[in-house]
Protein backbone atom coordinates (compact mmCIF):
# COMPACT_ATOMS: atom_id res chain seq x y z
CA UNK A 1 -4.11 -0.19 31.00
CA UNK A 2 -6.59 -2.94 30.07
CA UNK A 3 -8.57 -0.47 28.13
CA UNK A 4 -5.50 0.75 26.14
CA UNK A 5 -4.72 -2.92 25.42
CA UNK A 6 -8.15 -3.61 23.96
CA UNK A 7 -8.00 -0.35 21.81
CA UNK A 8 -4.51 -1.14 20.42
CA UNK A 9 -5.78 -4.77 19.92
CA UNK A 10 -8.78 -3.52 17.86
CA UNK A 11 -6.60 -1.17 15.78
CA UNK A 12 -4.45 -4.18 14.93
CA UNK A 13 -7.16 -6.24 14.05
CA UNK A 14 -8.29 -3.52 11.66
CA UNK A 15 -4.98 -3.18 10.23
CA UNK A 16 -4.78 -7.00 9.67
CA UNK A 17 -7.88 -6.88 8.22
CA UNK A 18 -6.97 -3.72 5.76
CA UNK A 19 -3.84 -5.94 4.90
CA UNK A 20 -6.01 -9.06 4.12
CA UNK A 21 -8.27 -7.08 1.97
CA UNK A 22 -5.42 -5.39 -0.06
CA UNK A 23 -3.91 -8.93 -0.49
CA UNK A 24 -7.47 -10.50 -1.74
CA UNK A 25 -7.98 -7.71 -3.86
CA UNK A 26 -4.51 -7.94 -5.61
CA UNK A 27 -4.91 -11.86 -5.76
CA UNK A 28 -8.21 -11.48 -7.31
CA UNK A 29 -6.91 -8.52 -9.91
CA UNK A 30 -4.05 -10.86 -10.99
CA UNK A 31 -6.31 -13.99 -11.46
CA UNK A 32 -8.24 -11.82 -14.25
CA UNK A 33 -5.58 -9.48 -15.30
CA UNK A 34 -3.79 -10.11 -18.53
CA UNK A 35 0.18 -9.76 -19.04
CA UNK A 36 1.59 -7.71 -21.98
CA UNK A 37 4.35 -5.24 -22.52
CA UNK A 38 4.13 -1.69 -22.83
CA UNK A 39 6.14 1.04 -24.27
CA UNK A 40 7.32 4.33 -22.80
CA UNK A 41 6.19 6.88 -25.07
CA UNK A 42 6.84 9.93 -23.26
CA UNK A 43 8.34 11.45 -19.55
CA UNK A 44 6.07 14.36 -18.65
CA UNK A 45 7.41 16.94 -16.43
CA UNK A 46 5.22 18.23 -13.67
CA UNK A 47 5.67 21.23 -11.10
CA UNK A 48 4.89 21.58 -7.95
CA UNK A 49 5.11 24.69 -5.86
CA UNK A 50 4.61 24.80 -1.81
CA UNK A 51 5.55 27.50 0.51
CA UNK A 52 7.51 25.16 2.56
CA UNK A 53 9.50 23.56 -0.32
CA UNK A 54 9.60 25.94 -3.05
CA UNK A 55 9.20 24.92 -6.75
CA UNK A 56 10.08 20.98 -6.89
CA UNK A 57 9.73 18.99 -10.21
CA UNK A 58 8.26 15.47 -11.02
CA UNK A 59 7.81 12.96 -13.95
CA UNK A 60 5.13 10.77 -15.09
CA UNK A 61 5.70 8.21 -17.78
CA UNK A 62 3.35 7.79 -20.74
CA UNK A 63 2.70 4.41 -21.71
CA UNK A 64 1.22 2.44 -24.84
CA UNK A 65 0.31 -0.92 -25.22
CA UNK A 66 -1.79 -3.23 -27.23
CA UNK A 67 -4.38 -5.59 -25.54
CA UNK A 68 -4.92 -9.28 -26.56
CA UNK A 69 -7.80 -8.02 -28.21
CA UNK A 70 -6.07 -5.51 -30.61
CA UNK A 71 -7.21 -2.27 -28.72
CA UNK A 72 -4.42 0.28 -28.76
CA UNK A 73 -4.48 1.81 -25.01
CA UNK A 74 -2.34 4.73 -23.62
CA UNK A 75 -2.04 5.53 -20.23
CA UNK A 76 -0.17 7.57 -17.47
CA UNK A 77 1.34 6.04 -14.43
CA UNK A 78 -0.21 6.74 -11.27
CA UNK A 79 2.95 6.25 -8.73
CA UNK A 80 4.96 8.68 -10.41
CA UNK A 81 8.71 9.68 -9.64
CA UNK A 82 9.58 11.04 -6.46
CA UNK A 83 9.98 14.72 -6.38
CA UNK A 84 13.12 16.22 -7.69
CA UNK A 85 14.13 12.40 -9.17
CA UNK A 86 14.67 11.48 -12.76
CA UNK A 87 11.66 9.49 -14.16
CA UNK A 88 10.98 5.95 -13.10
CA UNK A 89 11.22 4.71 -17.01
CA UNK A 90 12.93 6.01 -19.95
CA UNK A 91 11.38 6.79 -23.42
CA UNK A 92 11.36 3.55 -25.58
CA UNK A 93 11.72 1.17 -22.37
CA UNK A 94 9.65 -2.18 -22.61
CA UNK A 95 7.80 -2.62 -19.26
CA UNK A 96 5.66 -5.65 -18.16
CA UNK A 97 2.26 -4.62 -17.22
CA UNK A 98 -0.83 -6.12 -16.18
CA UNK A 99 -4.45 -5.06 -17.08
CA UNK A 100 -7.87 -6.08 -16.77
CA UNK A 101 -9.39 -6.70 -20.21
CA UNK A 102 -12.84 -5.57 -19.11
CA UNK A 103 -11.34 -2.10 -18.55
CA UNK A 104 -7.73 -2.14 -19.76
CA UNK A 105 -7.11 1.66 -19.74
CA UNK A 106 -8.08 2.29 -16.15
CA UNK A 107 -6.59 -0.99 -14.62
CA UNK A 108 -3.25 -1.00 -15.38
CA UNK A 109 -0.21 -2.28 -12.93
CA UNK A 110 3.25 -1.05 -13.72
CA UNK A 111 6.10 -2.93 -11.94
CA UNK A 112 6.16 0.33 -9.59
CA UNK A 113 2.30 0.15 -8.89
CA UNK A 114 2.88 -3.57 -7.84
CA UNK A 115 5.58 -2.61 -5.60
CA UNK A 116 4.10 -0.01 -4.03
CA UNK A 117 0.76 -1.99 -3.50
CA UNK A 118 2.89 -4.96 -2.06
CA UNK A 119 4.60 -2.49 0.31
CA UNK A 120 1.09 -1.06 1.50
CA UNK A 121 0.10 -4.92 2.20
CA UNK A 122 3.18 -5.46 4.04
CA UNK A 123 3.19 -2.49 6.19
CA UNK A 124 -0.86 -2.96 7.12
CA UNK A 125 -0.13 -6.55 7.94
CA UNK A 126 2.89 -5.86 9.96
CA UNK A 127 1.57 -2.82 11.86
CA UNK A 128 -1.71 -4.79 12.59
CA UNK A 129 0.44 -7.58 14.09
CA UNK A 130 2.52 -5.47 16.11
CA UNK A 131 -0.69 -3.58 17.39
CA UNK A 132 -2.25 -6.99 18.73
CA UNK A 133 0.81 -7.91 20.08
CA UNK A 134 1.40 -4.58 21.95
CA UNK A 135 -2.52 -4.63 22.91
CA UNK A 136 -2.80 -8.18 24.15
CA UNK A 137 0.68 -7.24 26.39
CA UNK A 138 -0.59 -4.02 27.62
CA UNK A 139 -4.03 -6.10 28.50
CA UNK A 140 -2.09 -8.87 30.10
CA UNK A 141 -0.19 -6.24 32.22
CA UNK A 142 -3.35 -4.49 33.51
CA UNK A 143 -4.84 -7.50 34.39
CA UNK A 144 -1.89 -8.56 36.17
CA UNK A 145 -1.71 -5.34 38.15
CA UNK A 146 -5.18 -5.33 39.14
CA UNK A 147 -4.88 -8.91 40.41
CA UNK A 148 -1.95 -7.94 42.33
CA UNK A 149 -3.61 -5.24 43.96
CA UNK A 150 -6.53 -7.25 44.78
CA UNK A 151 -4.31 -9.74 46.62
CA UNK A 152 -2.37 -6.87 48.35
CA UNK A 153 -5.75 -5.45 49.73
CA UNK A 154 -6.90 -8.67 51.02
CA UNK A 155 -3.54 -9.55 52.77
CA UNK A 156 -3.64 -6.35 54.49
CA UNK A 157 -7.17 -6.72 56.13
């Protein structure tokens, strides 16, 4: 039990570290990022075929925006709509986005990107805390059992 507790605690620390890393990374991005409005120019339909689910479709929105330096940038969202769901955005919709002015075409974050990123940070952090608590609990139970076993051996002699 004690070894299992230590392993769970180590996994928990690693997950907490991942959550912290992702949080800091996002915080640093938002410090240097610029906020602007992008316009949805197109919703591209893609098809995915698998033996298990057959043919399924999903949409990825194409956006266009102007940087503060006047550069026109087009990009396709990274977190596309769920399979067999309508697009996340509609054509001509205006969407607030963040981008890094040093590399505007490769660093864009849409509201859905930020949402999924925040879910990832929260999931890693909560899972890490739960693993640590479970690991400490298992370690304590193992320690308690081994002390009890030691006491009962002494009593019988």
